[in-house]
Amino acid sequence: MIRKFIVRILKFLSRIKAIGKVISFTYKGEGLSLNKFYSQGHWRTRANAKTEYKLIFENIISKAKGKYFFDRFYMVIFYNSRHDVDNVIGMEKVFVDTMKGVMIKNDGKVNYKGIMIFYDDSLPNNTFEFVIIEATHG
């Protein structure tokens, strides 16, 4: 319920040009928990997990390649999975890294202006929605 309300507000703000473009991507599947990622021990095991999710995310964002490119952006994540809110940040990190050079200029503090993460039990189980908002001011 909160997701629909927030997305409607974002789209309205985009239409009246208070913010830039808004685009969302949905991933359905098991999420990458930050706790699990760091508990996997050897760096090579973690690199394999990152590569696996990066390939998934490349496929998801391919529809926006060449259509959207943001110098500065915000992100809102809605999800329904077994993860605590702070563990979803592992998914966020890989997703943003995948967007670099394809949809976003970079992910440093000059470019990546903020993030919000919401648990939303109205989504199907194991669903993550990444909403990218072009930052057009400050």
N, C-alpha and C. Protein backbone atom coordinates (compact mmCIF):
# COMPACT_ATOMS: atom_id res chain seq x y z
N MET A 1 0.82 -1.18 0.00
CA MET A 1 0.00 0.00 0.00
C MET A 1 0.87 1.26 0.00
N ILE A 2 1.85 1.32 0.86
CA ILE A 2 2.73 2.49 0.92
C ILE A 2 3.49 2.65 -0.39
N ARG A 3 3.85 1.53 -1.00
CA ARG A 3 4.60 1.56 -2.26
C ARG A 3 3.80 2.28 -3.34
N LYS A 4 2.55 1.92 -3.51
CA LYS A 4 1.72 2.54 -4.54
C LYS A 4 1.58 4.04 -4.30
N PHE A 5 1.41 4.42 -3.04
CA PHE A 5 1.28 5.83 -2.69
C PHE A 5 2.56 6.60 -3.02
N ILE A 6 3.70 6.08 -2.62
CA ILE A 6 4.98 6.75 -2.86
C ILE A 6 5.27 6.85 -4.35
N VAL A 7 5.06 5.77 -5.09
CA VAL A 7 5.33 5.78 -6.53
C VAL A 7 4.41 6.78 -7.25
N ARG A 8 3.16 6.85 -6.83
CA ARG A 8 2.24 7.85 -7.43
C ARG A 8 2.73 9.26 -7.18
N ILE A 9 3.17 9.54 -5.97
CA ILE A 9 3.69 10.87 -5.66
C ILE A 9 4.93 11.16 -6.51
N LEU A 10 5.84 10.19 -6.62
CA LEU A 10 7.04 10.39 -7.43
C LEU A 10 6.69 10.68 -8.89
N LYS A 11 5.77 9.93 -9.44
CA LYS A 11 5.38 10.14 -10.84
C LYS A 11 4.71 11.50 -11.02
N PHE A 12 3.91 11.91 -10.04
CA PHE A 12 3.30 13.24 -10.10
C PHE A 12 4.38 14.32 -10.06
N LEU A 13 5.33 14.20 -9.14
CA LEU A 13 6.42 15.17 -9.03
C LEU A 13 7.25 15.22 -10.31
N SER A 14 7.41 14.08 -10.96
CA SER A 14 8.13 14.03 -12.22
C SER A 14 7.35 14.76 -13.32
N ARG A 15 6.04 14.54 -13.37
CA ARG A 15 5.20 15.20 -14.38
C ARG A 15 5.24 16.72 -14.26
N ILE A 16 5.27 17.22 -13.01
CA ILE A 16 5.29 18.68 -12.84
C ILE A 16 6.72 19.22 -12.79
N LYS A 17 7.68 18.34 -13.09
CA LYS A 17 9.10 18.68 -13.21
C LYS A 17 9.74 19.16 -11.90
N ALA A 18 9.18 18.71 -10.76
CA ALA A 18 9.80 18.99 -9.47
C ALA A 18 10.98 18.05 -9.26
N ILE A 19 10.92 16.89 -9.90
CA ILE A 19 12.04 15.93 -9.93
C ILE A 19 12.19 15.48 -11.37
N GLY A 20 13.24 14.74 -11.63
CA GLY A 20 13.46 14.24 -12.98
C GLY A 20 12.65 12.98 -13.26
N LYS A 21 13.13 12.21 -14.19
CA LYS A 21 12.46 10.98 -14.61
C LYS A 21 12.47 9.95 -13.48
N VAL A 22 11.49 9.08 -13.51
CA VAL A 22 11.37 8.00 -12.53
C VAL A 22 11.23 6.70 -13.30
N ILE A 23 12.05 5.72 -12.96
CA ILE A 23 11.98 4.41 -13.61
C ILE A 23 12.12 3.34 -12.54
N SER A 24 11.40 2.25 -12.71
CA SER A 24 11.49 1.18 -11.72
C SER A 24 11.81 -0.15 -12.39
N PHE A 25 12.48 -0.99 -11.62
CA PHE A 25 12.88 -2.32 -12.05
C PHE A 25 12.48 -3.31 -10.98
N THR A 26 12.01 -4.47 -11.38
CA THR A 26 11.58 -5.48 -10.43
C THR A 26 12.42 -6.74 -10.59
N TYR A 27 12.88 -7.24 -9.46
CA TYR A 27 13.59 -8.52 -9.42
C TYR A 27 12.78 -9.46 -8.55
N LYS A 28 12.50 -10.65 -9.10
CA LYS A 28 11.79 -11.68 -8.36
C LYS A 28 12.73 -12.86 -8.20
N GLY A 29 13.06 -13.15 -6.97
CA GLY A 29 13.96 -14.25 -6.67
C GLY A 29 14.57 -14.06 -5.31
N GLU A 30 15.41 -15.00 -4.94
CA GLU A 30 16.06 -14.91 -3.64
C GLU A 30 16.99 -13.70 -3.60
N GLY A 31 16.92 -12.97 -2.53
CA GLY A 31 17.75 -11.78 -2.39
C GLY A 31 19.12 -12.10 -1.82
N LEU A 32 20.05 -11.22 -2.09
CA LEU A 32 21.41 -11.32 -1.56
C LEU A 32 21.45 -10.57 -0.24
N SER A 33 21.53 -11.30 0.85
CA SER A 33 21.59 -10.70 2.18
C SER A 33 23.01 -10.21 2.46
N LEU A 34 23.12 -9.03 3.02
CA LEU A 34 24.44 -8.51 3.38
C LEU A 34 25.12 -9.42 4.39
N ASN A 35 24.37 -9.94 5.36
CA ASN A 35 24.94 -10.86 6.34
C ASN A 35 25.49 -12.12 5.66
N LYS A 36 24.70 -12.69 4.76
CA LYS A 36 25.15 -13.91 4.06
C LYS A 36 26.36 -13.60 3.18
N PHE A 37 26.33 -12.46 2.52
CA PHE A 37 27.43 -12.07 1.65
C PHE A 37 28.75 -12.03 2.43
N TYR A 38 28.75 -11.37 3.58
CA TYR A 38 29.99 -11.25 4.35
C TYR A 38 30.35 -12.51 5.12
N SER A 39 29.39 -13.38 5.37
CA SER A 39 29.70 -14.61 6.11
C SER A 39 30.23 -15.71 5.20
N GLN A 40 30.29 -15.46 3.90
CA GLN A 40 30.71 -16.49 2.96
C GLN A 40 32.22 -16.72 2.95
N GLY A 41 32.93 -16.04 3.83
CA GLY A 41 34.35 -16.32 3.98
C GLY A 41 35.22 -15.76 2.89
N HIS A 42 35.75 -16.61 2.09
CA HIS A 42 36.76 -16.25 1.10
C HIS A 42 36.22 -15.21 0.11
N TRP A 43 37.08 -14.28 -0.28
CA TRP A 43 36.68 -13.20 -1.20
C TRP A 43 36.19 -13.74 -2.53
N ARG A 44 36.74 -14.89 -2.96
CA ARG A 44 36.34 -15.45 -4.25
C ARG A 44 34.88 -15.91 -4.22
N THR A 45 34.44 -16.46 -3.10
CA THR A 45 33.04 -16.87 -2.96
C THR A 45 32.13 -15.66 -3.03
N ARG A 46 32.54 -14.58 -2.36
CA ARG A 46 31.75 -13.34 -2.42
C ARG A 46 31.74 -12.78 -3.83
N ALA A 47 32.87 -12.83 -4.52
CA ALA A 47 32.94 -12.32 -5.90
C ALA A 47 32.01 -13.11 -6.81
N ASN A 48 31.92 -14.42 -6.60
CA ASN A 48 31.01 -15.25 -7.41
C ASN A 48 29.56 -14.85 -7.18
N ALA A 49 29.20 -14.59 -5.93
CA ALA A 49 27.82 -14.17 -5.62
C ALA A 49 27.53 -12.83 -6.27
N LYS A 50 28.48 -11.90 -6.20
CA LYS A 50 28.30 -10.58 -6.81
C LYS A 50 28.14 -10.71 -8.33
N THR A 51 28.95 -11.56 -8.94
CA THR A 51 28.88 -11.77 -10.39
C THR A 51 27.53 -12.37 -10.78
N GLU A 52 27.04 -13.31 -9.99
CA GLU A 52 25.74 -13.95 -10.28
C GLU A 52 24.62 -12.91 -10.29
N TYR A 53 24.58 -12.06 -9.27
CA TYR A 53 23.53 -11.04 -9.20
C TYR A 53 23.74 -9.95 -10.24
N LYS A 54 24.97 -9.63 -10.54
CA LYS A 54 25.24 -8.61 -11.55
C LYS A 54 24.69 -9.06 -12.91
N LEU A 55 24.84 -10.32 -13.26
CA LEU A 55 24.29 -10.84 -14.52
C LEU A 55 22.77 -10.75 -14.54
N ILE A 56 22.14 -11.07 -13.42
CA ILE A 56 20.68 -10.97 -13.31
C ILE A 56 20.26 -9.52 -13.49
N PHE A 57 20.95 -8.60 -12.80
CA PHE A 57 20.58 -7.19 -12.87
C PHE A 57 20.87 -6.58 -14.23
N GLU A 58 21.92 -7.02 -14.90
CA GLU A 58 22.19 -6.53 -16.26
C GLU A 58 21.01 -6.83 -17.17
N ASN A 59 20.45 -8.01 -17.03
CA ASN A 59 19.29 -8.39 -17.84
C ASN A 59 18.08 -7.51 -17.50
N ILE A 60 17.90 -7.22 -16.22
CA ILE A 60 16.76 -6.42 -15.78
C ILE A 60 16.86 -4.98 -16.28
N ILE A 61 18.05 -4.38 -16.21
CA ILE A 61 18.18 -2.97 -16.60
C ILE A 61 18.42 -2.78 -18.10
N SER A 62 18.55 -3.86 -18.84
CA SER A 62 18.83 -3.74 -20.27
C SER A 62 17.76 -2.95 -21.03
N LYS A 63 16.51 -2.97 -20.54
CA LYS A 63 15.44 -2.23 -21.22
C LYS A 63 15.65 -0.72 -21.15
N ALA A 64 16.45 -0.26 -20.19
CA ALA A 64 16.68 1.18 -20.03
C ALA A 64 17.96 1.65 -20.70
N LYS A 65 18.77 0.71 -21.16
CA LYS A 65 20.05 1.07 -21.78
C LYS A 65 19.82 1.95 -23.00
N GLY A 66 20.45 3.09 -23.00
CA GLY A 66 20.31 4.03 -24.11
C GLY A 66 19.11 4.95 -24.00
N LYS A 67 18.17 4.65 -23.10
CA LYS A 67 16.98 5.48 -22.92
C LYS A 67 17.11 6.41 -21.73
N TYR A 68 17.80 5.97 -20.71
CA TYR A 68 17.95 6.74 -19.48
C TYR A 68 19.42 6.79 -19.10
N PHE A 69 19.86 7.97 -18.73
CA PHE A 69 21.21 8.12 -18.19
C PHE A 69 21.18 9.30 -17.23
N PHE A 70 21.40 9.03 -15.96
CA PHE A 70 21.27 10.04 -14.93
C PHE A 70 22.64 10.43 -14.38
N ASP A 71 22.88 11.73 -14.33
CA ASP A 71 24.10 12.25 -13.71
C ASP A 71 23.99 12.13 -12.19
N ARG A 72 22.81 12.50 -11.66
CA ARG A 72 22.55 12.40 -10.22
C ARG A 72 21.22 11.68 -10.02
N PHE A 73 21.12 10.91 -8.94
CA PHE A 73 19.91 10.12 -8.73
C PHE A 73 19.69 9.79 -7.26
N TYR A 74 18.47 9.40 -6.97
CA TYR A 74 18.05 8.83 -5.69
C TYR A 74 17.53 7.42 -5.98
N MET A 75 17.45 6.61 -4.93
CA MET A 75 16.86 5.28 -5.10
C MET A 75 15.90 4.99 -3.95
N VAL A 76 14.78 4.38 -4.29
CA VAL A 76 13.84 3.86 -3.30
C VAL A 76 13.70 2.37 -3.60
N ILE A 77 13.82 1.56 -2.56
CA ILE A 77 13.67 0.11 -2.72
C ILE A 77 12.47 -0.35 -1.90
N PHE A 78 11.59 -1.11 -2.55
CA PHE A 78 10.49 -1.78 -1.87
C PHE A 78 10.77 -3.27 -1.99
N TYR A 79 10.53 -4.02 -0.93
CA TYR A 79 10.81 -5.44 -1.00
C TYR A 79 9.89 -6.23 -0.09
N ASN A 80 9.77 -7.50 -0.42
CA ASN A 80 9.10 -8.46 0.45
C ASN A 80 9.95 -9.73 0.41
N SER A 81 10.70 -9.94 1.45
CA SER A 81 11.52 -11.15 1.59
C SER A 81 11.80 -11.34 3.07
N ARG A 82 12.55 -12.35 3.38
CA ARG A 82 12.86 -12.65 4.78
C ARG A 82 13.90 -11.70 5.36
N HIS A 83 14.49 -10.86 4.55
CA HIS A 83 15.57 -9.98 4.98
C HIS A 83 15.10 -8.85 5.90
N ASP A 84 15.97 -8.48 6.83
CA ASP A 84 15.76 -7.24 7.57
C ASP A 84 16.09 -6.10 6.62
N VAL A 85 15.57 -4.92 6.91
CA VAL A 85 15.77 -3.77 6.03
C VAL A 85 17.26 -3.52 5.78
N ASP A 86 18.07 -3.58 6.83
CA ASP A 86 19.50 -3.27 6.65
C ASP A 86 20.24 -4.34 5.86
N ASN A 87 19.69 -5.53 5.73
CA ASN A 87 20.35 -6.57 4.93
C ASN A 87 20.08 -6.43 3.44
N VAL A 88 19.09 -5.65 3.06
CA VAL A 88 18.77 -5.43 1.65
C VAL A 88 19.87 -4.58 0.99
N ILE A 89 20.67 -3.91 1.77
CA ILE A 89 21.71 -3.03 1.23
C ILE A 89 22.70 -3.82 0.37
N GLY A 90 22.83 -5.12 0.61
CA GLY A 90 23.68 -5.95 -0.26
C GLY A 90 23.15 -6.00 -1.68
N MET A 91 21.83 -6.09 -1.81
CA MET A 91 21.20 -6.07 -3.14
C MET A 91 21.39 -4.69 -3.78
N GLU A 92 21.21 -3.66 -2.97
CA GLU A 92 21.35 -2.29 -3.46
C GLU A 92 22.74 -2.06 -4.03
N LYS A 93 23.76 -2.50 -3.31
CA LYS A 93 25.15 -2.28 -3.74
C LYS A 93 25.41 -2.91 -5.11
N VAL A 94 25.02 -4.15 -5.29
CA VAL A 94 25.25 -4.82 -6.57
C VAL A 94 24.41 -4.19 -7.67
N PHE A 95 23.15 -3.81 -7.36
CA PHE A 95 22.29 -3.20 -8.37
C PHE A 95 22.89 -1.87 -8.85
N VAL A 96 23.32 -1.03 -7.92
CA VAL A 96 23.90 0.26 -8.30
C VAL A 96 25.19 0.07 -9.07
N ASP A 97 26.04 -0.86 -8.64
CA ASP A 97 27.28 -1.13 -9.39
C ASP A 97 26.97 -1.57 -10.82
N THR A 98 25.90 -2.31 -11.01
CA THR A 98 25.51 -2.77 -12.34
C THR A 98 25.03 -1.61 -13.21
N MET A 99 24.42 -0.61 -12.61
CA MET A 99 23.92 0.54 -13.37
C MET A 99 25.03 1.49 -13.83
N LYS A 100 26.19 1.45 -13.16
CA LYS A 100 27.28 2.39 -13.49
C LYS A 100 27.68 2.28 -14.96
N GLY A 101 27.72 3.44 -15.61
CA GLY A 101 28.10 3.49 -17.01
C GLY A 101 27.00 3.09 -17.97
N VAL A 102 25.94 2.48 -17.48
CA VAL A 102 24.82 2.07 -18.31
C VAL A 102 23.64 3.03 -18.14
N MET A 103 23.32 3.32 -16.87
CA MET A 103 22.20 4.22 -16.55
C MET A 103 22.60 5.41 -15.70
N ILE A 104 23.70 5.27 -14.99
CA ILE A 104 24.14 6.34 -14.11
C ILE A 104 25.61 6.65 -14.38
N LYS A 105 25.97 7.89 -14.12
CA LYS A 105 27.34 8.31 -14.36
C LYS A 105 28.29 7.64 -13.36
N ASN A 106 27.93 7.68 -12.08
CA ASN A 106 28.76 7.10 -11.04
C ASN A 106 27.91 6.92 -9.79
N ASP A 107 28.49 6.33 -8.74
CA ASP A 107 27.72 6.12 -7.51
C ASP A 107 28.36 6.80 -6.30
N GLY A 108 29.22 7.78 -6.54
CA GLY A 108 29.80 8.54 -5.44
C GLY A 108 28.80 9.53 -4.88
N LYS A 109 29.18 10.22 -3.81
CA LYS A 109 28.26 11.13 -3.14
C LYS A 109 27.84 12.32 -4.01
N VAL A 110 28.64 12.65 -5.02
CA VAL A 110 28.25 13.72 -5.94
C VAL A 110 27.08 13.27 -6.81
N ASN A 111 27.02 11.99 -7.12
CA ASN A 111 26.01 11.47 -8.03
C ASN A 111 24.84 10.77 -7.33
N TYR A 112 25.14 9.98 -6.32
CA TYR A 112 24.13 9.19 -5.62
C TYR A 112 23.70 9.98 -4.40
N LYS A 113 22.50 10.58 -4.47
CA LYS A 113 22.07 11.56 -3.49
C LYS A 113 21.33 10.99 -2.29
N GLY A 114 20.80 9.77 -2.38
CA GLY A 114 20.09 9.22 -1.23
C GLY A 114 19.37 7.93 -1.56
N ILE A 115 19.01 7.23 -0.49
CA ILE A 115 18.32 5.95 -0.62
C ILE A 115 17.30 5.80 0.50
N MET A 116 16.18 5.15 0.18
CA MET A 116 15.19 4.77 1.17
C MET A 116 14.80 3.33 0.88
N ILE A 117 14.62 2.53 1.94
CA ILE A 117 14.26 1.12 1.78
C ILE A 117 13.02 0.85 2.63
N PHE A 118 12.00 0.23 1.99
CA PHE A 118 10.74 -0.07 2.67
C PHE A 118 10.40 -1.54 2.52
N TYR A 119 10.06 -2.18 3.62
CA TYR A 119 9.47 -3.51 3.58
C TYR A 119 8.01 -3.34 3.17
N ASP A 120 7.53 -4.13 2.21
CA ASP A 120 6.17 -4.01 1.71
C ASP A 120 5.58 -5.40 1.52
N ASP A 121 4.75 -5.82 2.48
CA ASP A 121 4.19 -7.17 2.41
C ASP A 121 3.07 -7.30 1.37
N SER A 122 2.74 -6.21 0.66
CA SER A 122 1.77 -6.33 -0.43
C SER A 122 2.43 -6.86 -1.71
N LEU A 123 3.75 -6.84 -1.76
CA LEU A 123 4.47 -7.43 -2.89
C LEU A 123 4.49 -8.95 -2.75
N PRO A 124 4.59 -9.67 -3.86
CA PRO A 124 4.77 -11.12 -3.75
C PRO A 124 6.07 -11.44 -3.00
N ASN A 125 6.11 -12.58 -2.36
CA ASN A 125 7.30 -13.00 -1.62
C ASN A 125 8.52 -13.04 -2.55
N ASN A 126 9.67 -12.67 -2.02
CA ASN A 126 10.94 -12.62 -2.76
C ASN A 126 10.86 -11.69 -3.97
N THR A 127 10.33 -10.50 -3.75
CA THR A 127 10.25 -9.48 -4.79
C THR A 127 10.94 -8.22 -4.29
N PHE A 128 11.73 -7.63 -5.17
CA PHE A 128 12.46 -6.39 -4.88
C PHE A 128 12.16 -5.42 -6.01
N GLU A 129 11.71 -4.23 -5.67
CA GLU A 129 11.45 -3.19 -6.67
C GLU A 129 12.41 -2.04 -6.41
N PHE A 130 13.22 -1.72 -7.42
CA PHE A 130 14.20 -0.64 -7.35
C PHE A 130 13.65 0.54 -8.15
N VAL A 131 13.41 1.66 -7.49
CA VAL A 131 12.88 2.85 -8.15
C VAL A 131 14.01 3.87 -8.21
N ILE A 132 14.38 4.27 -9.42
CA ILE A 132 15.47 5.23 -9.64
C ILE A 132 14.83 6.57 -9.98
N ILE A 133 15.27 7.61 -9.28
CA ILE A 133 14.71 8.95 -9.47
C ILE A 133 15.84 9.88 -9.89
N GLU A 134 15.68 10.50 -11.03
CA GLU A 134 16.68 11.44 -11.50
C GLU A 134 16.65 12.68 -10.60
N ALA A 135 17.80 13.06 -10.07
CA ALA A 135 17.92 14.27 -9.26
C ALA A 135 18.22 15.44 -10.18
N THR A 136 17.32 16.39 -10.23
CA THR A 136 17.49 17.52 -11.14
C THR A 136 17.86 18.81 -10.40
N HIS A 137 17.77 18.79 -9.10
CA HIS A 137 18.09 19.98 -8.30
C HIS A 137 19.16 19.62 -7.26
N GLY A 138 20.06 20.55 -7.02
CA GLY A 138 21.06 20.46 -5.94
C GLY A 138 21.67 19.15 -5.83
